[in-house]
Structures are given as C-alpha cells and as structure tokens.
Amino acid sequence: MNWTIEVICLPVTDVDRAKEFYGERLGFGVDFDTDQGGTRVVQVTPPGSGCSIAFGVGLVDENSAVLRATGGPPMRPGSAQGLQLVVGDLPAAHAELTGRGVAVSPIQVFGRDGELHPYREGEELDNVGFFFFSDPDGNGWAVQQISSRLA
C-alpha cells in the first residue's frame, strides 16, 4: 500500500495576504480559492510538487470541523515550523526567491559536526545545503538541495 502526503494545512491570519505570498511571491500555482458556508480554503502547489499547501478560514482554526472531528487543537498562525521544500539547484532557487523579493537566509551547509556554516563557493550542497525563510505569519520553511537520492 502506498501512503502519500498530498496536502499540508497552514495556519494564517490573513488569507489574501497568504495567497499573494505563496502565489505571487513564491510562484506557487493557485489550485483553487473557494468559500463553502463560511469555510474559505485556498490551495497552492509548488512547481513540480505532488504535495499542496492549504490555508484559509475554518481549516485549522477554532472553527475547523476537521479539528473538532479529530479532537485536535486549533493551530496558531506562525506555529508551523520545519516545513521543507526540496530543489535540485539551491543557488538558483535562492536567486529566484531573492529576485521575487522574498527575505531568505544566506545559503548554509550542515558540516560533519552537525552545525550550520556559511556556504563557500564550490562547496558540496547536495543533501547538506539549505536556506531558510518564513511566510508573513512566521510559518518557517527550509529549502534543501537534493539532486540525487539513494535507490
């Protein structure tokens, strides 16, 4: 049996601001923006991804029917941390987001000591290279370079 992650829900304070950030600033495709009886859901998908990101009103907040059904607590805007995107070329992704006006950290590399250090030109990035950014609510993202995977 295959198990796939198809959608990750994010808590945000302003749906339109989040839609602009993810759709326009990051360049993610806007799959839909719908309002069903007071529950507004926007879903975006990063280019090439099989997993989408959803946010809205009534999705993961105190009005969420899903959270009531599962007994889960509401998520606070900015509380989603450790979200990760993977790209094949980290410097190109860094340049693209910087060019789109997204505040991103410098490229960093995890050393053998488990600590991050600033990237030095020509240094290996595959699997160990990262940069970081946050959305307008403070939800935290990492971007990692993986250009090949083990079988």
Protein backbone atom coordinates (compact mmCIF):
# COMPACT_ATOMS: atom_id res chain seq x y z
CA MET A 1 0.00 0.00 0.00
CA ASN A 2 1.31 3.44 -0.91
CA TRP A 3 0.84 6.30 1.55
CA THR A 4 1.27 9.77 0.13
CA ILE A 5 1.22 13.21 1.64
CA GLU A 6 -0.96 15.31 -0.62
CA VAL A 7 -1.82 18.44 1.40
CA ILE A 8 -0.27 20.30 4.31
CA CYS A 9 -2.50 22.80 6.13
CA LEU A 10 -1.03 26.08 7.36
CA PRO A 11 -2.44 28.47 9.93
CA VAL A 12 -2.54 32.06 8.68
CA THR A 13 -4.13 35.29 9.89
CA ASP A 14 -4.91 36.90 6.53
CA VAL A 15 -5.92 34.53 3.71
CA ASP A 16 -5.49 37.11 0.94
CA ARG A 17 -2.02 38.09 2.18
CA ALA A 18 -1.01 34.40 2.34
CA LYS A 19 -2.42 33.78 -1.14
CA GLU A 20 -0.37 36.69 -2.50
CA PHE A 21 2.78 35.48 -0.74
CA TYR A 22 2.56 31.84 -1.84
CA GLY A 23 1.05 32.50 -5.28
CA GLU A 24 2.78 35.69 -6.40
CA ARG A 25 5.95 36.00 -4.31
CA LEU A 26 6.91 32.31 -4.21
CA GLY A 27 5.42 31.50 -7.61
CA PHE A 28 3.33 28.53 -6.44
CA GLY A 29 0.32 27.63 -8.58
CA VAL A 30 -3.03 28.63 -7.07
CA ASP A 31 -5.15 25.48 -7.45
CA PHE A 32 -8.35 26.95 -6.06
CA ASP A 33 -9.86 29.58 -3.76
CA THR A 34 -13.29 28.52 -2.54
CA ASP A 35 -15.76 29.51 0.15
CA GLN A 36 -18.19 26.84 1.35
CA GLY A 37 -20.56 28.07 4.02
CA GLY A 38 -18.04 30.29 5.78
CA THR A 39 -15.08 27.95 5.34
CA ARG A 40 -12.67 29.55 2.87
CA VAL A 41 -9.89 27.36 1.57
CA VAL A 42 -7.04 28.35 -0.74
CA GLN A 43 -4.79 25.61 -2.06
CA VAL A 44 -1.42 26.24 -3.71
CA THR A 45 1.14 23.84 -5.13
CA PRO A 46 4.87 24.41 -5.59
CA PRO A 47 6.01 23.82 -9.19
CA GLY A 48 6.73 20.11 -9.69
CA SER A 49 5.35 19.07 -6.29
CA GLY A 50 2.92 16.25 -5.58
CA CYS A 51 2.00 17.91 -2.29
CA SER A 52 -0.09 21.06 -1.97
CA ILE A 53 -0.43 23.64 0.78
CA ALA A 54 -3.85 24.72 2.02
CA PHE A 55 -4.79 27.64 4.25
CA GLY A 56 -7.95 29.53 4.99
CA VAL A 57 -10.73 30.28 7.42
CA GLY A 58 -12.25 27.28 9.19
CA LEU A 59 -9.45 24.98 8.09
CA VAL A 60 -7.16 24.65 11.14
CA ASP A 61 -8.55 27.39 13.39
CA GLU A 62 -11.13 27.18 16.18
CA ASN A 63 -13.92 26.89 13.55
CA SER A 64 -12.44 23.78 11.90
CA ALA A 65 -14.85 20.84 11.54
CA VAL A 66 -11.87 18.57 10.84
CA LEU A 67 -10.11 19.52 14.07
CA ARG A 68 -13.35 19.07 16.02
CA ALA A 69 -13.75 15.59 14.47
CA THR A 70 -10.19 14.56 15.30
CA GLY A 71 -10.01 16.27 18.68
CA GLY A 72 -7.04 18.33 17.58
CA PRO A 73 -6.36 21.79 18.98
CA PRO A 74 -6.53 24.85 16.72
CA MET A 75 -3.23 25.86 15.13
CA ARG A 76 -1.92 29.37 15.78
CA PRO A 77 -0.68 31.40 12.80
CA GLY A 78 3.10 31.09 12.66
CA SER A 79 3.16 27.82 14.61
CA ALA A 80 4.04 25.62 11.61
CA GLN A 81 7.83 25.20 11.66
CA GLY A 82 10.24 22.84 9.95
CA LEU A 83 8.36 22.75 6.66
CA GLN A 84 10.72 21.76 3.89
CA LEU A 85 10.95 22.24 0.16
CA VAL A 86 13.50 20.35 -1.96
CA VAL A 87 15.18 21.67 -5.09
CA GLY A 88 17.86 20.37 -7.43
CA ASP A 89 19.82 23.64 -7.58
CA LEU A 90 19.96 25.59 -4.32
CA PRO A 91 21.82 28.69 -5.60
CA ALA A 92 19.29 29.04 -8.46
CA ALA A 93 16.34 28.69 -6.04
CA HIS A 94 17.95 31.20 -3.68
CA ALA A 95 18.43 33.67 -6.55
CA GLU A 96 14.85 33.17 -7.76
CA LEU A 97 13.27 33.88 -4.37
CA THR A 98 15.61 36.79 -3.69
CA GLY A 99 14.67 38.20 -7.11
CA ARG A 100 10.99 37.86 -6.18
CA GLY A 101 11.61 39.95 -3.05
CA VAL A 102 11.37 37.10 -0.52
CA ALA A 103 13.58 37.58 2.55
CA VAL A 104 15.71 34.42 2.67
CA SER A 105 18.71 33.48 4.78
CA PRO A 106 22.11 33.04 3.19
CA ILE A 107 22.85 29.53 1.88
CA GLN A 108 24.22 27.37 4.66
CA VAL A 109 25.77 23.90 4.85
CA PHE A 110 25.49 21.26 7.56
CA GLY A 111 29.03 20.25 8.43
CA ARG A 112 30.21 16.90 9.75
CA ASP A 113 29.91 18.37 13.24
CA GLY A 114 26.15 18.82 12.72
CA GLU A 115 26.42 22.61 12.76
CA LEU A 116 25.46 25.01 10.00
CA HIS A 117 28.15 27.17 8.45
CA PRO A 118 28.01 29.72 5.61
CA TYR A 119 28.28 28.25 2.12
CA ARG A 120 31.62 28.73 0.38
CA GLU A 121 31.68 28.83 -3.43
CA GLY A 122 32.30 25.36 -4.86
CA GLU A 123 31.35 23.56 -1.64
CA GLU A 124 29.15 20.46 -1.99
CA LEU A 125 25.47 21.27 -1.38
CA ASP A 126 23.72 18.00 -2.23
CA ASN A 127 21.75 16.83 0.83
CA VAL A 128 23.56 19.24 3.16
CA GLY A 129 22.82 22.68 1.65
CA PHE A 130 19.92 24.78 2.94
CA PHE A 131 18.43 28.24 3.15
CA PHE A 132 15.51 29.38 5.25
CA PHE A 133 12.57 31.79 5.10
CA SER A 134 9.27 32.50 6.83
CA ASP A 135 5.87 33.44 5.46
CA PRO A 136 4.18 36.68 6.61
CA ASP A 137 2.73 34.88 9.67
CA GLY A 138 6.05 33.35 10.72
CA ASN A 139 5.48 29.79 9.48
CA GLY A 140 9.04 28.56 8.92
CA TRP A 141 10.41 26.93 5.79
CA ALA A 142 13.70 25.28 4.86
CA VAL A 143 14.82 24.76 1.27
CA GLN A 144 17.22 21.84 0.79
CA GLN A 145 19.20 20.75 -2.25
CA ILE A 146 18.77 17.10 -3.21
CA SER A 147 19.80 16.34 -6.76
CA SER A 148 20.14 12.57 -6.36
CA ARG A 149 18.66 10.03 -3.98
CA LEU A 150 19.65 6.56 -2.88
CA ALA A 151 17.69 3.76 -4.55
